[in-house]
N, C-alpha and C. Protein backbone atom coordinates (compact mmCIF):
# COMPACT_ATOMS: atom_id res chain seq x y z
N MET A 1 100.99 92.25 91.28
CA MET A 1 100.87 91.03 92.04
C MET A 1 100.77 91.39 93.52
N PRO A 2 99.73 90.92 94.18
CA PRO A 2 99.59 91.24 95.61
C PRO A 2 100.61 90.52 96.47
N GLY A 3 100.88 91.10 97.63
CA GLY A 3 101.71 90.44 98.62
C GLY A 3 100.94 89.29 99.25
N VAL A 4 101.65 88.32 99.77
CA VAL A 4 101.02 87.17 100.41
C VAL A 4 101.36 87.20 101.90
N ALA A 5 100.34 87.12 102.74
CA ALA A 5 100.53 87.10 104.19
C ALA A 5 99.55 86.10 104.79
N ASN A 6 100.06 84.94 105.16
CA ASN A 6 99.21 83.94 105.80
C ASN A 6 99.10 84.27 107.29
N LYS A 7 97.96 83.92 107.87
CA LYS A 7 97.67 84.32 109.25
C LYS A 7 97.13 83.14 110.03
N LEU A 8 97.58 83.01 111.27
CA LEU A 8 97.09 81.98 112.18
C LEU A 8 96.33 82.67 113.30
N ALA A 9 95.16 82.15 113.64
CA ALA A 9 94.33 82.75 114.69
C ALA A 9 93.74 81.64 115.55
N VAL A 10 93.21 82.05 116.71
CA VAL A 10 92.56 81.11 117.63
C VAL A 10 91.08 81.42 117.67
N ARG A 11 90.28 80.41 117.49
CA ARG A 11 88.82 80.54 117.51
C ARG A 11 88.37 81.19 118.82
N GLY A 12 87.49 82.17 118.70
CA GLY A 12 86.94 82.84 119.86
C GLY A 12 87.79 83.99 120.37
N ASP A 13 88.93 84.28 119.75
CA ASP A 13 89.77 85.43 120.13
C ASP A 13 89.45 86.61 119.22
N THR A 14 89.82 87.80 119.66
CA THR A 14 89.72 88.97 118.80
C THR A 14 90.63 88.75 117.60
N LEU A 15 90.12 89.01 116.42
CA LEU A 15 90.88 88.80 115.18
C LEU A 15 91.28 90.16 114.63
N ARG A 16 92.57 90.34 114.37
CA ARG A 16 93.08 91.65 113.94
C ARG A 16 93.94 91.47 112.69
N PHE A 17 93.55 92.16 111.64
CA PHE A 17 94.36 92.25 110.43
C PHE A 17 94.94 93.65 110.40
N LYS A 18 96.25 93.79 110.24
CA LYS A 18 96.86 95.12 110.18
C LYS A 18 97.93 95.10 109.09
N PHE A 19 97.79 96.02 108.14
CA PHE A 19 98.68 96.09 107.00
C PHE A 19 99.25 97.49 106.88
N ALA A 20 100.52 97.59 106.52
CA ALA A 20 101.17 98.87 106.25
C ALA A 20 101.62 98.86 104.79
N ILE A 21 101.16 99.83 104.03
CA ILE A 21 101.51 99.95 102.62
C ILE A 21 102.34 101.22 102.48
N VAL A 22 103.60 101.07 102.14
CA VAL A 22 104.56 102.17 102.15
C VAL A 22 104.54 102.92 100.82
N GLY A 23 104.53 104.26 100.94
CA GLY A 23 104.68 105.11 99.77
C GLY A 23 103.42 105.39 98.98
N VAL A 24 102.27 104.87 99.43
CA VAL A 24 101.01 105.09 98.72
C VAL A 24 99.97 105.57 99.72
N ASN A 25 99.39 106.74 99.44
CA ASN A 25 98.36 107.28 100.32
C ASN A 25 97.00 106.72 99.90
N LEU A 26 96.50 105.78 100.68
CA LEU A 26 95.21 105.15 100.41
C LEU A 26 94.15 105.59 101.42
N SER A 27 94.41 106.66 102.17
CA SER A 27 93.48 107.08 103.22
C SER A 27 92.12 107.48 102.66
N ALA A 28 92.06 107.91 101.40
CA ALA A 28 90.78 108.31 100.80
C ALA A 28 90.15 107.17 99.99
N SER A 29 90.78 106.01 99.99
CA SER A 29 90.27 104.89 99.19
C SER A 29 89.13 104.19 99.90
N ASP A 30 88.43 103.37 99.14
CA ASP A 30 87.44 102.46 99.69
C ASP A 30 88.17 101.15 99.92
N ALA A 31 88.52 100.85 101.17
CA ALA A 31 89.24 99.62 101.51
C ALA A 31 88.25 98.54 101.91
N HIS A 32 88.60 97.31 101.57
CA HIS A 32 87.67 96.21 101.77
C HIS A 32 88.47 94.94 102.04
N ILE A 33 88.09 94.19 103.08
CA ILE A 33 88.71 92.90 103.37
C ILE A 33 87.59 91.87 103.49
N GLN A 34 87.78 90.74 102.84
CA GLN A 34 86.81 89.64 102.95
C GLN A 34 87.52 88.37 103.37
N ILE A 35 86.81 87.56 104.15
CA ILE A 35 87.23 86.20 104.48
C ILE A 35 86.25 85.28 103.77
N ARG A 36 86.78 84.34 103.01
CA ARG A 36 85.94 83.42 102.23
C ARG A 36 86.35 81.98 102.50
N LYS A 37 85.42 81.09 102.23
CA LYS A 37 85.76 79.67 102.23
C LYS A 37 86.72 79.43 101.06
N PRO A 38 87.55 78.40 101.13
CA PRO A 38 88.57 78.17 100.10
C PRO A 38 88.02 78.08 98.68
N ASN A 39 88.91 78.36 97.73
CA ASN A 39 88.63 78.26 96.30
C ASN A 39 87.50 79.18 95.85
N GLY A 40 87.48 80.40 96.39
CA GLY A 40 86.47 81.37 95.98
C GLY A 40 85.09 81.05 96.49
N GLY A 41 85.01 80.34 97.59
CA GLY A 41 83.73 79.93 98.16
C GLY A 41 82.95 81.09 98.77
N ALA A 42 81.97 80.76 99.55
CA ALA A 42 81.06 81.74 100.15
C ALA A 42 81.80 82.70 101.07
N ILE A 43 81.31 83.93 101.12
CA ILE A 43 81.85 84.93 102.04
C ILE A 43 81.50 84.53 103.46
N VAL A 44 82.50 84.52 104.34
CA VAL A 44 82.31 84.19 105.75
C VAL A 44 82.19 85.47 106.57
N MET A 45 83.07 86.45 106.30
CA MET A 45 83.03 87.75 106.97
C MET A 45 83.50 88.81 105.99
N ASP A 46 82.92 90.00 106.14
CA ASP A 46 83.22 91.12 105.24
C ASP A 46 83.41 92.37 106.08
N SER A 47 84.48 93.11 105.82
CA SER A 47 84.77 94.30 106.62
C SER A 47 83.69 95.38 106.48
N ALA A 48 82.88 95.30 105.43
CA ALA A 48 81.79 96.27 105.26
C ALA A 48 80.65 96.00 106.24
N ALA A 49 80.61 94.79 106.80
CA ALA A 49 79.48 94.43 107.65
C ALA A 49 79.87 94.01 109.07
N VAL A 50 81.11 93.62 109.28
CA VAL A 50 81.53 93.04 110.56
C VAL A 50 82.78 93.74 111.07
N GLY A 51 82.81 94.04 112.34
CA GLY A 51 84.00 94.61 112.96
C GLY A 51 84.21 96.07 112.58
N THR A 52 85.44 96.54 112.80
CA THR A 52 85.79 97.94 112.55
C THR A 52 87.01 98.00 111.65
N LEU A 53 86.89 98.72 110.52
CA LEU A 53 88.00 98.93 109.61
C LEU A 53 88.43 100.38 109.67
N THR A 54 89.73 100.61 109.90
CA THR A 54 90.26 101.97 109.95
C THR A 54 91.43 102.11 108.97
N LYS A 55 91.61 103.34 108.47
CA LYS A 55 92.72 103.66 107.57
C LYS A 55 93.38 104.93 108.08
N SER A 56 94.70 104.99 107.96
CA SER A 56 95.40 106.21 108.33
C SER A 56 96.63 106.36 107.43
N TRP A 57 97.08 107.63 107.29
CA TRP A 57 98.26 107.96 106.49
C TRP A 57 99.20 108.76 107.37
N ALA A 58 100.41 108.26 107.56
CA ALA A 58 101.43 108.96 108.36
C ALA A 58 102.79 108.44 107.95
N ASN A 59 103.78 109.33 107.93
CA ASN A 59 105.17 108.95 107.64
C ASN A 59 105.30 108.16 106.34
N SER A 60 104.59 108.62 105.30
CA SER A 60 104.63 107.98 103.96
C SER A 60 104.17 106.53 103.99
N GLU A 61 103.19 106.24 104.84
CA GLU A 61 102.71 104.87 104.98
C GLU A 61 101.20 104.88 105.26
N THR A 62 100.47 104.06 104.52
CA THR A 62 99.05 103.86 104.81
C THR A 62 98.92 102.63 105.70
N THR A 63 98.21 102.79 106.80
CA THR A 63 97.92 101.66 107.68
C THR A 63 96.43 101.35 107.58
N ILE A 64 96.13 100.09 107.31
CA ILE A 64 94.75 99.63 107.24
C ILE A 64 94.60 98.52 108.26
N GLU A 65 93.62 98.67 109.15
CA GLU A 65 93.42 97.69 110.22
C GLU A 65 91.95 97.30 110.30
N TRP A 66 91.72 95.99 110.40
CA TRP A 66 90.36 95.46 110.57
C TRP A 66 90.36 94.63 111.84
N VAL A 67 89.49 95.00 112.78
CA VAL A 67 89.38 94.29 114.06
C VAL A 67 87.99 93.66 114.15
N ILE A 68 87.98 92.35 114.38
CA ILE A 68 86.73 91.61 114.55
C ILE A 68 86.66 91.17 116.01
N PRO A 69 85.62 91.59 116.74
CA PRO A 69 85.55 91.24 118.16
C PRO A 69 85.44 89.73 118.39
N PHE A 70 85.95 89.29 119.53
CA PHE A 70 85.95 87.86 119.85
C PHE A 70 84.55 87.27 119.84
N SER A 71 83.55 88.08 120.14
CA SER A 71 82.17 87.57 120.18
C SER A 71 81.69 87.11 118.80
N LEU A 72 82.40 87.48 117.73
CA LEU A 72 81.99 87.11 116.38
C LEU A 72 82.88 86.05 115.74
N THR A 73 83.93 85.61 116.44
CA THR A 73 84.85 84.65 115.83
C THR A 73 84.67 83.22 116.35
N GLY A 74 83.69 83.01 117.20
CA GLY A 74 83.49 81.69 117.81
C GLY A 74 83.06 80.61 116.84
N THR A 75 82.53 80.98 115.68
CA THR A 75 82.08 79.98 114.71
C THR A 75 83.16 79.65 113.69
N LEU A 76 84.25 80.40 113.68
CA LEU A 76 85.32 80.14 112.72
C LEU A 76 86.17 78.96 113.17
N ILE A 77 86.44 78.05 112.26
CA ILE A 77 87.37 76.96 112.51
C ILE A 77 87.81 76.42 111.15
N GLY A 78 89.10 76.17 110.98
CA GLY A 78 89.59 75.64 109.72
C GLY A 78 90.35 76.68 108.90
N LYS A 79 90.46 76.42 107.59
CA LYS A 79 91.20 77.30 106.69
C LYS A 79 90.26 78.11 105.82
N TYR A 80 90.62 79.37 105.65
CA TYR A 80 89.87 80.32 104.84
C TYR A 80 90.86 81.10 103.98
N GLU A 81 90.35 81.81 102.99
CA GLU A 81 91.15 82.72 102.19
C GLU A 81 90.70 84.14 102.50
N TYR A 82 91.60 85.10 102.38
CA TYR A 82 91.21 86.50 102.59
C TYR A 82 92.02 87.37 101.64
N ASP A 83 91.52 88.58 101.41
CA ASP A 83 92.31 89.57 100.69
C ASP A 83 91.93 90.98 101.10
N LEU A 84 92.87 91.89 100.86
CA LEU A 84 92.68 93.32 101.10
C LEU A 84 92.68 93.99 99.73
N GLU A 85 91.60 94.71 99.46
CA GLU A 85 91.42 95.36 98.18
C GLU A 85 91.04 96.82 98.42
N THR A 86 91.55 97.72 97.58
CA THR A 86 91.15 99.12 97.67
C THR A 86 90.65 99.58 96.30
N THR A 87 89.78 100.58 96.35
CA THR A 87 89.33 101.24 95.14
C THR A 87 89.57 102.73 95.33
N LEU A 88 90.30 103.32 94.39
CA LEU A 88 90.63 104.75 94.45
C LEU A 88 90.65 105.30 93.03
N THR A 89 89.88 106.35 92.82
CA THR A 89 89.74 107.00 91.50
C THR A 89 89.47 105.98 90.40
N GLY A 90 88.55 105.06 90.70
CA GLY A 90 88.12 104.08 89.70
C GLY A 90 89.06 102.91 89.48
N GLU A 91 90.16 102.86 90.20
CA GLU A 91 91.11 101.76 90.04
C GLU A 91 91.05 100.84 91.25
N ARG A 92 90.81 99.56 91.00
CA ARG A 92 90.74 98.56 92.06
C ARG A 92 92.05 97.79 92.12
N THR A 93 92.60 97.66 93.34
CA THR A 93 93.88 96.97 93.52
C THR A 93 93.79 96.01 94.69
N THR A 94 94.23 94.78 94.49
CA THR A 94 94.38 93.83 95.58
C THR A 94 95.81 93.93 96.08
N TRP A 95 95.99 94.35 97.33
CA TRP A 95 97.31 94.58 97.91
C TRP A 95 97.87 93.34 98.60
N VAL A 96 97.01 92.62 99.30
CA VAL A 96 97.46 91.47 100.10
C VAL A 96 96.42 90.37 99.98
N GLN A 97 96.89 89.15 99.91
CA GLN A 97 95.99 88.00 99.98
C GLN A 97 96.69 86.90 100.75
N GLY A 98 95.91 85.97 101.27
CA GLY A 98 96.53 84.90 102.02
C GLY A 98 95.53 83.91 102.56
N VAL A 99 96.04 83.02 103.36
CA VAL A 99 95.24 81.98 104.02
C VAL A 99 95.12 82.34 105.49
N LEU A 100 93.92 82.27 106.00
CA LEU A 100 93.65 82.45 107.42
C LEU A 100 93.32 81.07 107.97
N GLU A 101 94.14 80.61 108.91
CA GLU A 101 93.88 79.32 109.55
C GLU A 101 93.46 79.57 110.99
N VAL A 102 92.28 79.09 111.34
CA VAL A 102 91.73 79.30 112.67
C VAL A 102 91.73 77.96 113.40
N GLU A 103 92.45 77.93 114.54
CA GLU A 103 92.55 76.71 115.34
C GLU A 103 91.61 76.77 116.53
N ALA A 104 91.28 75.62 117.06
CA ALA A 104 90.43 75.55 118.25
C ALA A 104 91.14 76.17 119.45
N ASP A 105 90.36 76.76 120.33
CA ASP A 105 90.89 77.37 121.56
C ASP A 105 91.10 76.27 122.60
N ILE A 106 92.22 76.29 123.27
CA ILE A 106 92.51 75.30 124.31
C ILE A 106 91.80 75.64 125.61
N THR A 107 91.75 76.92 125.96
CA THR A 107 91.14 77.36 127.21
C THR A 107 89.62 77.23 127.13
N ARG A 108 89.04 76.69 128.14
CA ARG A 108 87.57 76.54 128.22
C ARG A 108 87.08 77.23 129.50
N THR A 109 85.91 77.82 129.42
CA THR A 109 85.33 78.40 130.63
C THR A 109 84.63 77.32 131.43
N ALA A 110 84.64 77.47 132.73
CA ALA A 110 84.04 76.45 133.60
C ALA A 110 82.55 76.48 133.56
């Protein structure tokens, strides 16, 4: 059963997902994060195509981080679903899933 981590973000800001998985070395895995419309809807963003996904192994912990630049988050608004999945030696595992809620930005440029 995957862990659940809901996330709140502001539209137009840099979006950062960062997960630490303790005791499992996933640095050689194929890691993948997707943001989808609710109820298994269309893919909105995919770590294979957008932003930068990095993995590291240190101190018995795998860290997986996906950073999406602010220039690509301006169209997001509302609630989405996301998950973190890895594939290693033919085994696919979903580690984390949750709801991403993106709120409107209060600050406006002149």
